[in-house]
mmCIF file of all heavy atoms, coordinates in Angstrom:
data_MODEL
# 
_entry.id   MODEL 
# 
loop_
_atom_site.group_PDB 
_atom_site.id 
_atom_site.type_symbol 
_atom_site.label_atom_id 
_atom_site.label_alt_id 
_atom_site.label_comp_id 
_atom_site.label_asym_id 
_atom_site.label_entity_id 
_atom_site.label_seq_id 
_atom_site.pdbx_PDB_ins_code 
_atom_site.Cartn_x 
_atom_site.Cartn_y 
_atom_site.Cartn_z 
_atom_site.occupancy 
_atom_site.B_iso_or_equiv 
_atom_site.pdbx_formal_charge 
_atom_site.auth_seq_id 
_atom_site.auth_comp_id 
_atom_site.auth_asym_id 
_atom_site.auth_atom_id 
_atom_site.pdbx_PDB_model_num 
ATOM 1   N N   . ASP A 1 1  ? -10.104 25.779 -14.950 1.00 0.00 ? 1  ASP A N   1 
ATOM 2   C CA  . ASP A 1 1  ? -9.211  26.569 -15.762 1.00 0.00 ? 1  ASP A CA  1 
ATOM 3   C C   . ASP A 1 1  ? -9.933  26.886 -17.069 1.00 0.00 ? 1  ASP A C   1 
ATOM 4   O O   . ASP A 1 1  ? -10.116 26.032 -17.917 1.00 0.00 ? 1  ASP A O   1 
ATOM 5   C CB  . ASP A 1 1  ? -7.916  25.811 -16.042 1.00 0.00 ? 1  ASP A CB  1 
ATOM 6   C CG  . ASP A 1 1  ? -6.920  26.608 -16.843 1.00 0.00 ? 1  ASP A CG  1 
ATOM 7   O OD1 . ASP A 1 1  ? -7.268  27.714 -17.311 1.00 0.00 ? 1  ASP A OD1 1 
ATOM 8   O OD2 . ASP A 1 1  ? -5.791  26.158 -17.006 1.00 0.00 ? 1  ASP A OD2 1 
ATOM 9   N N   . VAL A 1 2  ? -10.347 28.141 -17.251 1.00 0.00 ? 2  VAL A N   1 
ATOM 10  C CA  . VAL A 1 2  ? -11.166 28.512 -18.406 1.00 0.00 ? 2  VAL A CA  1 
ATOM 11  C C   . VAL A 1 2  ? -10.334 28.349 -19.715 1.00 0.00 ? 2  VAL A C   1 
ATOM 12  O O   . VAL A 1 2  ? -10.891 28.007 -20.738 1.00 0.00 ? 2  VAL A O   1 
ATOM 13  C CB  . VAL A 1 2  ? -11.656 29.946 -18.250 1.00 0.00 ? 2  VAL A CB  1 
ATOM 14  C CG1 . VAL A 1 2  ? -12.399 30.397 -19.501 1.00 0.00 ? 2  VAL A CG1 1 
ATOM 15  C CG2 . VAL A 1 2  ? -12.557 30.061 -17.029 1.00 0.00 ? 2  VAL A CG2 1 
ATOM 16  N N   . PHE A 1 3  ? -9.052  28.548 -19.646 1.00 0.00 ? 3  PHE A N   1 
ATOM 17  C CA  . PHE A 1 3  ? -8.243  28.478 -20.878 1.00 0.00 ? 3  PHE A CA  1 
ATOM 18  C C   . PHE A 1 3  ? -8.232  27.051 -21.440 1.00 0.00 ? 3  PHE A C   1 
ATOM 19  O O   . PHE A 1 3  ? -8.427  26.836 -22.644 1.00 0.00 ? 3  PHE A O   1 
ATOM 20  C CB  . PHE A 1 3  ? -6.793  28.910 -20.544 1.00 0.00 ? 3  PHE A CB  1 
ATOM 21  C CG  . PHE A 1 3  ? -5.838  28.749 -21.715 1.00 0.00 ? 3  PHE A CG  1 
ATOM 22  C CD1 . PHE A 1 3  ? -5.949  29.547 -22.824 1.00 0.00 ? 3  PHE A CD1 1 
ATOM 23  C CD2 . PHE A 1 3  ? -4.879  27.764 -21.690 1.00 0.00 ? 3  PHE A CD2 1 
ATOM 24  C CE1 . PHE A 1 3  ? -5.105  29.404 -23.893 1.00 0.00 ? 3  PHE A CE1 1 
ATOM 25  C CE2 . PHE A 1 3  ? -4.007  27.605 -22.755 1.00 0.00 ? 3  PHE A CE2 1 
ATOM 26  C CZ  . PHE A 1 3  ? -4.108  28.429 -23.882 1.00 0.00 ? 3  PHE A CZ  1 
ATOM 27  N N   . SER A 1 4  ? -8.037  26.050 -20.585 1.00 0.00 ? 4  SER A N   1 
ATOM 28  C CA  . SER A 1 4  ? -7.949  24.669 -21.053 1.00 0.00 ? 4  SER A CA  1 
ATOM 29  C C   . SER A 1 4  ? -9.208  23.842 -20.772 1.00 0.00 ? 4  SER A C   1 
ATOM 30  O O   . SER A 1 4  ? -9.231  22.692 -21.163 1.00 0.00 ? 4  SER A O   1 
ATOM 31  C CB  . SER A 1 4  ? -6.737  23.990 -20.412 1.00 0.00 ? 4  SER A CB  1 
ATOM 32  O OG  . SER A 1 4  ? -6.915  23.838 -19.014 1.00 0.00 ? 4  SER A OG  1 
ATOM 33  N N   . ARG A 1 5  ? -10.195 24.403 -20.090 1.00 0.00 ? 5  ARG A N   1 
ATOM 34  C CA  . ARG A 1 5  ? -11.424 23.717 -19.690 1.00 0.00 ? 5  ARG A CA  1 
ATOM 35  C C   . ARG A 1 5  ? -11.089 22.577 -18.722 1.00 0.00 ? 5  ARG A C   1 
ATOM 36  O O   . ARG A 1 5  ? -11.885 21.617 -18.580 1.00 0.00 ? 5  ARG A O   1 
ATOM 37  C CB  . ARG A 1 5  ? -12.151 23.143 -20.901 1.00 0.00 ? 5  ARG A CB  1 
ATOM 38  C CG  . ARG A 1 5  ? -12.439 24.130 -22.014 1.00 0.00 ? 5  ARG A CG  1 
ATOM 39  C CD  . ARG A 1 5  ? -13.379 25.237 -21.580 1.00 0.00 ? 5  ARG A CD  1 
ATOM 40  N NE  . ARG A 1 5  ? -13.988 25.872 -22.714 1.00 0.00 ? 5  ARG A NE  1 
ATOM 41  C CZ  . ARG A 1 5  ? -13.445 26.852 -23.429 1.00 0.00 ? 5  ARG A CZ  1 
ATOM 42  N NH1 . ARG A 1 5  ? -12.264 27.299 -23.069 1.00 0.00 ? 5  ARG A NH1 1 
ATOM 43  N NH2 . ARG A 1 5  ? -14.091 27.394 -24.436 1.00 0.00 ? 5  ARG A NH2 1 
ATOM 44  N N   . ARG A 1 6  ? -10.002 22.623 -18.030 1.00 0.00 ? 6  ARG A N   1 
ATOM 45  C CA  . ARG A 1 6  ? -9.568  21.551 -17.167 1.00 0.00 ? 6  ARG A CA  1 
ATOM 46  C C   . ARG A 1 6  ? -10.002 21.837 -15.727 1.00 0.00 ? 6  ARG A C   1 
ATOM 47  O O   . ARG A 1 6  ? -9.845  22.944 -15.232 1.00 0.00 ? 6  ARG A O   1 
ATOM 48  C CB  . ARG A 1 6  ? -8.051  21.382 -17.210 1.00 0.00 ? 6  ARG A CB  1 
ATOM 49  C CG  . ARG A 1 6  ? -7.531  20.312 -16.301 1.00 0.00 ? 6  ARG A CG  1 
ATOM 50  C CD  . ARG A 1 6  ? -6.001  20.278 -16.365 1.00 0.00 ? 6  ARG A CD  1 
ATOM 51  N NE  . ARG A 1 6  ? -5.449  19.303 -15.431 1.00 0.00 ? 6  ARG A NE  1 
ATOM 52  C CZ  . ARG A 1 6  ? -4.149  19.192 -15.150 1.00 0.00 ? 6  ARG A CZ  1 
ATOM 53  N NH1 . ARG A 1 6  ? -3.271  19.969 -15.758 1.00 0.00 ? 6  ARG A NH1 1 
ATOM 54  N NH2 . ARG A 1 6  ? -3.724  18.297 -14.283 1.00 0.00 ? 6  ARG A NH2 1 
ATOM 55  N N   . VAL A 1 7  ? -10.535 20.831 -15.053 1.00 0.00 ? 7  VAL A N   1 
ATOM 56  C CA  . VAL A 1 7  ? -10.831 20.948 -13.624 1.00 0.00 ? 7  VAL A CA  1 
ATOM 57  C C   . VAL A 1 7  ? -9.522  20.800 -12.855 1.00 0.00 ? 7  VAL A C   1 
ATOM 58  O O   . VAL A 1 7  ? -8.921  19.736 -12.873 1.00 0.00 ? 7  VAL A O   1 
ATOM 59  C CB  . VAL A 1 7  ? -11.839 19.857 -13.187 1.00 0.00 ? 7  VAL A CB  1 
ATOM 60  C CG1 . VAL A 1 7  ? -12.089 19.988 -11.671 1.00 0.00 ? 7  VAL A CG1 1 
ATOM 61  C CG2 . VAL A 1 7  ? -13.138 20.034 -13.952 1.00 0.00 ? 7  VAL A CG2 1 
ATOM 62  N N   . VAL A 1 8  ? -9.113  21.831 -12.196 1.00 0.00 ? 8  VAL A N   1 
ATOM 63  C CA  . VAL A 1 8  ? -7.810  21.837 -11.528 1.00 0.00 ? 8  VAL A CA  1 
ATOM 64  C C   . VAL A 1 8  ? -7.917  21.685 -10.028 1.00 0.00 ? 8  VAL A C   1 
ATOM 65  O O   . VAL A 1 8  ? -6.930  21.454 -9.356  1.00 0.00 ? 8  VAL A O   1 
ATOM 66  C CB  . VAL A 1 8  ? -7.009  23.094 -11.871 1.00 0.00 ? 8  VAL A CB  1 
ATOM 67  C CG1 . VAL A 1 8  ? -6.613  23.101 -13.341 1.00 0.00 ? 8  VAL A CG1 1 
ATOM 68  C CG2 . VAL A 1 8  ? -7.785  24.370 -11.547 1.00 0.00 ? 8  VAL A CG2 1 
ATOM 69  N N   . GLY A 1 9  ? -9.135  21.832 -9.496  1.00 0.00 ? 9  GLY A N   1 
ATOM 70  C CA  . GLY A 1 9  ? -9.319  21.674 -8.050  1.00 0.00 ? 9  GLY A CA  1 
ATOM 71  C C   . GLY A 1 9  ? -10.772 21.388 -7.731  1.00 0.00 ? 9  GLY A C   1 
ATOM 72  O O   . GLY A 1 9  ? -11.681 21.992 -8.370  1.00 0.00 ? 9  GLY A O   1 
ATOM 73  N N   . TRP A 1 10 ? -11.039 20.506 -6.786  1.00 0.00 ? 10 TRP A N   1 
ATOM 74  C CA  . TRP A 1 10 ? -12.395 20.238 -6.383  1.00 0.00 ? 10 TRP A CA  1 
ATOM 75  C C   . TRP A 1 10 ? -12.429 19.655 -4.984  1.00 0.00 ? 10 TRP A C   1 
ATOM 76  O O   . TRP A 1 10 ? -11.441 19.178 -4.498  1.00 0.00 ? 10 TRP A O   1 
ATOM 77  C CB  . TRP A 1 10 ? -13.072 19.288 -7.363  1.00 0.00 ? 10 TRP A CB  1 
ATOM 78  C CG  . TRP A 1 10 ? -12.463 17.913 -7.357  1.00 0.00 ? 10 TRP A CG  1 
ATOM 79  C CD1 . TRP A 1 10 ? -11.312 17.522 -8.024  1.00 0.00 ? 10 TRP A CD1 1 
ATOM 80  C CD2 . TRP A 1 10 ? -12.927 16.755 -6.653  1.00 0.00 ? 10 TRP A CD2 1 
ATOM 81  N NE1 . TRP A 1 10 ? -11.054 16.201 -7.782  1.00 0.00 ? 10 TRP A NE1 1 
ATOM 82  C CE2 . TRP A 1 10 ? -12.007 15.693 -6.961  1.00 0.00 ? 10 TRP A CE2 1 
ATOM 83  C CE3 . TRP A 1 10 ? -14.012 16.497 -5.805  1.00 0.00 ? 10 TRP A CE3 1 
ATOM 84  C CZ2 . TRP A 1 10 ? -12.171 14.392 -6.436  1.00 0.00 ? 10 TRP A CZ2 1 
ATOM 85  C CZ3 . TRP A 1 10 ? -14.178 15.209 -5.298  1.00 0.00 ? 10 TRP A CZ3 1 
ATOM 86  C CH2 . TRP A 1 10 ? -13.244 14.194 -5.587  1.00 0.00 ? 10 TRP A CH2 1 
ATOM 87  N N   . GLU A 1 11 ? -13.618 19.722 -4.375  1.00 0.00 ? 11 GLU A N   1 
ATOM 88  C CA  . GLU A 1 11 ? -13.788 19.132 -3.052  1.00 0.00 ? 11 GLU A CA  1 
ATOM 89  C C   . GLU A 1 11 ? -15.295 18.824 -2.916  1.00 0.00 ? 11 GLU A C   1 
ATOM 90  O O   . GLU A 1 11 ? -16.142 19.530 -3.492  1.00 0.00 ? 11 GLU A O   1 
ATOM 91  C CB  . GLU A 1 11 ? -13.325 20.076 -1.948  1.00 0.00 ? 11 GLU A CB  1 
ATOM 92  C CG  . GLU A 1 11 ? -13.441 19.502 -0.548  1.00 0.00 ? 11 GLU A CG  1 
ATOM 93  C CD  . GLU A 1 11 ? -12.772 18.173 -0.390  1.00 0.00 ? 11 GLU A CD  1 
ATOM 94  O OE1 . GLU A 1 11 ? -11.541 18.048 -0.672  1.00 0.00 ? 11 GLU A OE1 1 
ATOM 95  O OE2 . GLU A 1 11 ? -13.460 17.204 -0.011  1.00 0.00 ? 11 GLU A OE2 1 
ATOM 96  N N   . LEU A 1 12 ? -15.614 17.806 -2.115  1.00 0.00 ? 12 LEU A N   1 
ATOM 97  C CA  . LEU A 1 12 ? -16.983 17.352 -1.939  1.00 0.00 ? 12 LEU A CA  1 
ATOM 98  C C   . LEU A 1 12 ? -17.317 17.358 -0.456  1.00 0.00 ? 12 LEU A C   1 
ATOM 99  O O   . LEU A 1 12 ? -16.510 16.906 0.358   1.00 0.00 ? 12 LEU A O   1 
ATOM 100 C CB  . LEU A 1 12 ? -17.141 15.948 -2.539  1.00 0.00 ? 12 LEU A CB  1 
ATOM 101 C CG  . LEU A 1 12 ? -18.546 15.294 -2.487  1.00 0.00 ? 12 LEU A CG  1 
ATOM 102 C CD1 . LEU A 1 12 ? -19.512 16.101 -3.331  1.00 0.00 ? 12 LEU A CD1 1 
ATOM 103 C CD2 . LEU A 1 12 ? -18.473 13.848 -2.904  1.00 0.00 ? 12 LEU A CD2 1 
ATOM 104 N N   . GLY A 1 13 ? -18.494 17.827 -0.143  1.00 0.00 ? 13 GLY A N   1 
ATOM 105 C CA  . GLY A 1 13 ? -18.934 17.858 1.254   1.00 0.00 ? 13 GLY A CA  1 
ATOM 106 C C   . GLY A 1 13 ? -20.434 17.809 1.363   1.00 0.00 ? 13 GLY A C   1 
ATOM 107 O O   . GLY A 1 13 ? -21.156 17.872 0.344   1.00 0.00 ? 13 GLY A O   1 
ATOM 108 N N   . GLU A 1 14 ? -20.956 17.703 2.591   1.00 0.00 ? 14 GLU A N   1 
ATOM 109 C CA  . GLU A 1 14 ? -22.386 17.600 2.822   1.00 0.00 ? 14 GLU A CA  1 
ATOM 110 C C   . GLU A 1 14 ? -23.054 18.967 2.871   1.00 0.00 ? 14 GLU A C   1 
ATOM 111 O O   . GLU A 1 14 ? -24.299 19.046 2.802   1.00 0.00 ? 14 GLU A O   1 
ATOM 112 C CB  . GLU A 1 14 ? -22.670 16.844 4.113   1.00 0.00 ? 14 GLU A CB  1 
ATOM 113 C CG  . GLU A 1 14 ? -22.163 15.388 4.094   1.00 0.00 ? 14 GLU A CG  1 
ATOM 114 C CD  . GLU A 1 14 ? -22.453 14.681 5.379   1.00 0.00 ? 14 GLU A CD  1 
ATOM 115 O OE1 . GLU A 1 14 ? -23.046 15.325 6.315   1.00 0.00 ? 14 GLU A OE1 1 
ATOM 116 O OE2 . GLU A 1 14 ? -22.130 13.499 5.515   1.00 0.00 ? 14 GLU A OE2 1 
ATOM 117 N N   . SER A 1 15 ? -22.295 20.034 2.971   1.00 0.00 ? 15 SER A N   1 
ATOM 118 C CA  . SER A 1 15 ? -22.859 21.392 3.050   1.00 0.00 ? 15 SER A CA  1 
ATOM 119 C C   . SER A 1 15 ? -21.906 22.356 2.399   1.00 0.00 ? 15 SER A C   1 
ATOM 120 O O   . SER A 1 15 ? -20.715 22.075 2.182   1.00 0.00 ? 15 SER A O   1 
ATOM 121 C CB  . SER A 1 15 ? -23.173 21.793 4.477   1.00 0.00 ? 15 SER A CB  1 
ATOM 122 O OG  . SER A 1 15 ? -21.951 21.834 5.246   1.00 0.00 ? 15 SER A OG  1 
ATOM 123 N N   . LEU A 1 16 ? -22.421 23.553 2.076   1.00 0.00 ? 16 LEU A N   1 
ATOM 124 C CA  . LEU A 1 16 ? -21.633 24.571 1.432   1.00 0.00 ? 16 LEU A CA  1 
ATOM 125 C C   . LEU A 1 16 ? -20.796 25.301 2.509   1.00 0.00 ? 16 LEU A C   1 
ATOM 126 O O   . LEU A 1 16 ? -21.313 26.285 3.090   1.00 0.00 ? 16 LEU A O   1 
ATOM 127 C CB  . LEU A 1 16 ? -22.480 25.532 0.631   1.00 0.00 ? 16 LEU A CB  1 
ATOM 128 C CG  . LEU A 1 16 ? -23.120 24.969 -0.620  1.00 0.00 ? 16 LEU A CG  1 
ATOM 129 C CD1 . LEU A 1 16 ? -24.017 26.026 -1.306  1.00 0.00 ? 16 LEU A CD1 1 
ATOM 130 C CD2 . LEU A 1 16 ? -22.058 24.487 -1.599  1.00 0.00 ? 16 LEU A CD2 1 
ATOM 131 N N   . GLN A 1 17 ? -19.623 24.878 2.742   1.00 0.00 ? 17 GLN A N   1 
ATOM 132 C CA  . GLN A 1 17 ? -18.769 25.492 3.754   1.00 0.00 ? 17 GLN A CA  1 
ATOM 133 C C   . GLN A 1 17 ? -17.625 26.230 3.037   1.00 0.00 ? 17 GLN A C   1 
ATOM 134 O O   . GLN A 1 17 ? -17.194 25.845 1.950   1.00 0.00 ? 17 GLN A O   1 
ATOM 135 C CB  . GLN A 1 17 ? -18.177 24.438 4.660   1.00 0.00 ? 17 GLN A CB  1 
ATOM 136 C CG  . GLN A 1 17 ? -19.214 23.581 5.362   1.00 0.00 ? 17 GLN A CG  1 
ATOM 137 C CD  . GLN A 1 17 ? -18.595 22.453 6.157   1.00 0.00 ? 17 GLN A CD  1 
ATOM 138 O OE1 . GLN A 1 17 ? -17.366 22.373 6.302   1.00 0.00 ? 17 GLN A OE1 1 
ATOM 139 N NE2 . GLN A 1 17 ? -19.419 21.546 6.664   1.00 0.00 ? 17 GLN A NE2 1 
ATOM 140 N N   . THR A 1 18 ? -17.117 27.243 3.705   1.00 0.00 ? 18 THR A N   1 
ATOM 141 C CA  . THR A 1 18 ? -15.975 27.968 3.160   1.00 0.00 ? 18 THR A CA  1 
ATOM 142 C C   . THR A 1 18 ? -14.761 27.053 2.997   1.00 0.00 ? 18 THR A C   1 
ATOM 143 O O   . THR A 1 18 ? -13.983 27.186 2.070   1.00 0.00 ? 18 THR A O   1 
ATOM 144 C CB  . THR A 1 18 ? -15.628 29.169 4.049   1.00 0.00 ? 18 THR A CB  1 
ATOM 145 O OG1 . THR A 1 18 ? -16.769 29.978 4.250   1.00 0.00 ? 18 THR A OG1 1 
ATOM 146 C CG2 . THR A 1 18 ? -14.507 29.993 3.430   1.00 0.00 ? 18 THR A CG2 1 
ATOM 147 N N   . SER A 1 19 ? -14.627 26.098 3.881   1.00 0.00 ? 19 SER A N   1 
ATOM 148 C CA  . SER A 1 19 ? -13.471 25.182 3.837   1.00 0.00 ? 19 SER A CA  1 
ATOM 149 C C   . SER A 1 19 ? -13.456 24.388 2.557   1.00 0.00 ? 19 SER A C   1 
ATOM 150 O O   . SER A 1 19 ? -12.391 24.079 2.020   1.00 0.00 ? 19 SER A O   1 
ATOM 151 C CB  . SER A 1 19 ? -13.487 24.260 5.053   1.00 0.00 ? 19 SER A CB  1 
ATOM 152 O OG  . SER A 1 19 ? -14.676 23.470 5.066   1.00 0.00 ? 19 SER A OG  1 
ATOM 153 N N   . LEU A 1 20 ? -14.620 24.058 1.985   1.00 0.00 ? 20 LEU A N   1 
ATOM 154 C CA  . LEU A 1 20 ? -14.686 23.324 0.749   1.00 0.00 ? 20 LEU A CA  1 
ATOM 155 C C   . LEU A 1 20 ? -14.043 24.130 -0.394  1.00 0.00 ? 20 LEU A C   1 
ATOM 156 O O   . LEU A 1 20 ? -13.253 23.612 -1.187  1.00 0.00 ? 20 LEU A O   1 
ATOM 157 C CB  . LEU A 1 20 ? -16.082 22.963 0.376   1.00 0.00 ? 20 LEU A CB  1 
ATOM 158 C CG  . LEU A 1 20 ? -16.839 21.990 1.300   1.00 0.00 ? 20 LEU A CG  1 
ATOM 159 C CD1 . LEU A 1 20 ? -18.263 21.764 0.814   1.00 0.00 ? 20 LEU A CD1 1 
ATOM 160 C CD2 . LEU A 1 20 ? -16.082 20.673 1.408   1.00 0.00 ? 20 LEU A CD2 1 
ATOM 161 N N   . ALA A 1 21 ? -14.423 25.404 -0.487  1.00 0.00 ? 21 ALA A N   1 
ATOM 162 C CA  . ALA A 1 21 ? -13.880 26.268 -1.523  1.00 0.00 ? 21 ALA A CA  1 
ATOM 163 C C   . ALA A 1 21 ? -12.372 26.500 -1.349  1.00 0.00 ? 21 ALA A C   1 
ATOM 164 O O   . ALA A 1 21 ? -11.626 26.527 -2.312  1.00 0.00 ? 21 ALA A O   1 
ATOM 165 C CB  . ALA A 1 21 ? -14.614 27.602 -1.521  1.00 0.00 ? 21 ALA A CB  1 
ATOM 166 N N   . LEU A 1 22 ? -11.922 26.566 -0.085  1.00 0.00 ? 22 LEU A N   1 
ATOM 167 C CA  . LEU A 1 22 ? -10.487 26.755 0.187   1.00 0.00 ? 22 LEU A CA  1 
ATOM 168 C C   . LEU A 1 22 ? -9.683  25.487 -0.168  1.00 0.00 ? 22 LEU A C   1 
ATOM 169 O O   . LEU A 1 22 ? -8.595  25.606 -0.728  1.00 0.00 ? 22 LEU A O   1 
ATOM 170 C CB  . LEU A 1 22 ? -10.273 27.118 1.647   1.00 0.00 ? 22 LEU A CB  1 
ATOM 171 C CG  . LEU A 1 22 ? -10.759 28.523 2.076   1.00 0.00 ? 22 LEU A CG  1 
ATOM 172 C CD1 . LEU A 1 22 ? -10.582 28.715 3.561   1.00 0.00 ? 22 LEU A CD1 1 
ATOM 173 C CD2 . LEU A 1 22 ? -9.999  29.594 1.302   1.00 0.00 ? 22 LEU A CD2 1 
ATOM 174 N N   . VAL A 1 23 ? -10.223 24.336 0.136   1.00 0.00 ? 23 VAL A N   1 
ATOM 175 C CA  . VAL A 1 23 ? -9.538  23.079 -0.234  1.00 0.00 ? 23 VAL A CA  1 
ATOM 176 C C   . VAL A 1 23 ? -9.443  22.947 -1.743  1.00 0.00 ? 23 VAL A C   1 
ATOM 177 O O   . VAL A 1 23 ? -8.410  22.547 -2.275  1.00 0.00 ? 23 VAL A O   1 
ATOM 178 C CB  . VAL A 1 23 ? -10.263 21.893 0.414   1.00 0.00 ? 23 VAL A CB  1 
ATOM 179 C CG1 . VAL A 1 23 ? -9.670  20.578 -0.132  1.00 0.00 ? 23 VAL A CG1 1 
ATOM 180 C CG2 . VAL A 1 23 ? -10.124 21.901 1.934   1.00 0.00 ? 23 VAL A CG2 1 
ATOM 181 N N   . ALA A 1 24 ? -10.539 23.254 -2.434  1.00 0.00 ? 24 ALA A N   1 
ATOM 182 C CA  . ALA A 1 24 ? -10.512 23.188 -3.895  1.00 0.00 ? 24 ALA A CA  1 
ATOM 183 C C   . ALA A 1 24 ? -9.487  24.157 -4.470  1.00 0.00 ? 24 ALA A C   1 
ATOM 184 O O   . ALA A 1 24 ? -8.750  23.818 -5.403  1.00 0.00 ? 24 ALA A O   1 
ATOM 185 C CB  . ALA A 1 24 ? -11.901 23.515 -4.440  1.00 0.00 ? 24 ALA A CB  1 
# 
């Protein structure tokens, strides 16, 4: 969140998959 500098979503995986970005 650029306004508050707060991390509002994240996900960790072994490769760059689309599912990681969707989960975040």
